[in-house]
C-alpha atoms as a PDB file:
ATOM      1  CA  MET A   1      43.259  -5.234   4.645  1.00  0.00           C
ATOM      2  CA  ALA A   2      45.344  -6.171   7.610  1.00  0.00           C
ATOM      3  CA  GLU A   3      45.262  -9.392   8.862  1.00  0.00           C
ATOM      4  CA  ILE A   4      44.997  -9.352  12.448  1.00  0.00           C
ATOM      5  CA  ASN A   5      45.792 -12.466  14.559  1.00  0.00           C
ATOM      6  CA  ILE A   6      44.562 -12.700  18.359  1.00  0.00           C
ATOM      7  CA  THR A   7      45.241 -15.274  21.166  1.00  0.00           C
ATOM      8  CA  ASP A   8      42.784 -17.756  22.454  1.00  0.00           C
ATOM      9  CA  ARG A   9      42.705 -15.814  25.760  1.00  0.00           C
ATOM     10  CA  THR A  10      41.913 -12.538  23.583  1.00  0.00           C
ATOM     11  CA  ALA A  11      39.064 -14.542  21.844  1.00  0.00           C
ATOM     12  CA  LYS A  12      37.582 -15.782  25.180  1.00  0.00           C
ATOM     13  CA  TYR A  13      37.577 -12.217  26.530  1.00  0.00           C
ATOM     14  CA  ILE A  14      35.984 -11.061  23.488  1.00  0.00           C
ATOM     15  CA  ASP A  15      33.528 -13.531  23.976  1.00  0.00           C
ATOM     16  CA  ASN A  16      32.940 -12.870  27.552  1.00  0.00           C
ATOM     17  CA  LEU A  17      32.304  -9.100  26.966  1.00  0.00           C
ATOM     18  CA  ARG A  18      29.913  -9.666  24.262  1.00  0.00           C
ATOM     19  CA  LYS A  19      27.743 -12.292  26.443  1.00  0.00           C
ATOM     20  CA  VAL A  20      28.042  -9.462  29.540  1.00  0.00           C
ATOM     21  CA  ALA A  21      26.969  -6.721  27.196  1.00  0.00           C
ATOM     22  CA  ALA A  22      24.119  -8.938  25.897  1.00  0.00           C
ATOM     23  CA  GLU A  23      23.084  -9.221  29.224  1.00  0.00           C
ATOM     24  CA  GLU A  24      23.517  -5.884  30.667  1.00  0.00           C
ATOM     25  CA  LYS A  25      21.466  -4.769  27.226  1.00  0.00           C
ATOM     26  CA  ALA A  26      18.565  -6.908  28.486  1.00  0.00           C
ATOM     27  CA  ALA A  27      18.724  -5.620  31.879  1.00  0.00           C
ATOM     28  CA  ILE A  28      18.757  -1.903  30.634  1.00  0.00           C
ATOM     29  CA  ALA A  29      15.528  -2.720  28.424  1.00  0.00           C
ATOM     30  CA  ASP A  30      13.760  -3.894  31.454  1.00  0.00           C
ATOM     31  CA  ALA A  31      14.786  -0.717  33.030  1.00  0.00           C
ATOM     32  CA  LEU A  32      13.582   1.716  30.495  1.00  0.00           C
ATOM     33  CA  THR A  33      10.274  -0.258  30.378  1.00  0.00           C
ATOM     34  CA  THR A  34      10.030   0.238  33.854  1.00  0.00           C
ATOM     35  CA  ALA A  35      10.686   3.911  33.479  1.00  0.00           C
ATOM     36  CA  SER A  36       8.115   4.124  30.822  1.00  0.00           C
ATOM     37  CA  ASP A  37       5.411   2.668  32.785  1.00  0.00           C
ATOM     38  CA  ALA A  38       6.318   4.823  35.529  1.00  0.00           C
ATOM     39  CA  LYS A  39       5.755   7.527  33.315  1.00  0.00           C
ATOM     40  CA  SER A  40       1.778   6.927  33.866  1.00  0.00           C
ATOM     41  CA  SER A  41       2.145   7.567  37.791  1.00  0.00           C
ATOM     42  CA  PRO A  42       3.158  10.990  39.205  1.00  0.00           C
ATOM     43  CA  ILE A  43       6.507  11.721  39.008  1.00  0.00           C
ATOM     44  CA  GLU A  44       8.099  14.281  41.621  1.00  0.00           C
ATOM     45  CA  ASP A  45      11.282  15.290  39.372  1.00  0.00           C
ATOM     46  CA  GLU A  46      10.822  15.321  35.921  1.00  0.00           C
ATOM     47  CA  ARG A  47      14.065  16.279  34.917  1.00  0.00           C
ATOM     48  CA  GLU A  48      15.667  13.137  36.963  1.00  0.00           C
ATOM     49  CA  TYR A  49      13.266  11.006  34.669  1.00  0.00           C
ATOM     50  CA  THR A  50      14.336  12.428  31.735  1.00  0.00           C
ATOM     51  CA  ASN A  51      17.970  12.264  32.491  1.00  0.00           C
ATOM     52  CA  LEU A  52      17.463   8.430  33.646  1.00  0.00           C
ATOM     53  CA  CYS A  53      15.868   7.605  30.389  1.00  0.00           C
ATOM     54  CA  SER A  54      18.704   9.361  28.432  1.00  0.00           C
ATOM     55  CA  VAL A  55      21.482   8.053  30.516  1.00  0.00           C
ATOM     56  CA  LEU A  56      19.917   4.274  29.827  1.00  0.00           C
ATOM     57  CA  GLY A  57      19.178   4.736  26.375  1.00  0.00           C
ATOM     58  CA  ARG A  58      22.672   5.779  25.602  1.00  0.00           C
ATOM     59  CA  TYR A  59      24.049   3.065  27.386  1.00  0.00           C
ATOM     60  CA  ASN A  60      21.607   0.599  25.251  1.00  0.00           C
ATOM     61  CA  ARG A  61      22.765   1.909  22.077  1.00  0.00           C
ATOM     62  CA  LEU A  62      26.580   1.426  23.119  1.00  0.00           C
ATOM     63  CA  LEU A  63      25.739  -1.802  23.950  1.00  0.00           C
ATOM     64  CA  SER A  64      23.940  -2.638  20.941  1.00  0.00           C
ATOM     65  CA  LEU A  65      27.090  -1.569  18.683  1.00  0.00           C
ATOM     66  CA  ILE A  66      29.159  -3.746  20.898  1.00  0.00           C
ATOM     67  CA  THR A  67      27.146  -6.840  20.667  1.00  0.00           C
ATOM     68  CA  ALA A  68      26.505  -6.231  16.701  1.00  0.00           C
ATOM     69  CA  ILE A  69      29.981  -6.948  16.215  1.00  0.00           C
ATOM     70  CA  GLU A  70      30.286 -10.398  14.591  1.00  0.00           C
ATOM     71  CA  PRO A  71      32.791 -12.817  15.807  1.00  0.00           C
END
């Protein structure tokens, strides 16, 4: 396995990326909860609702992959 050396600046950038991703993931989880709660009330455009949930779900999975990387 190859050894990769990174600078302190790069390490700080990666740490910040992970922090921001974790914050975004929490915001997405809140949005998904809100969208799920809205499902119980009348929704005028079912396709828009489904698309919103789909996009949020995919983004959440992407951020889950980023935040799962161990330092």
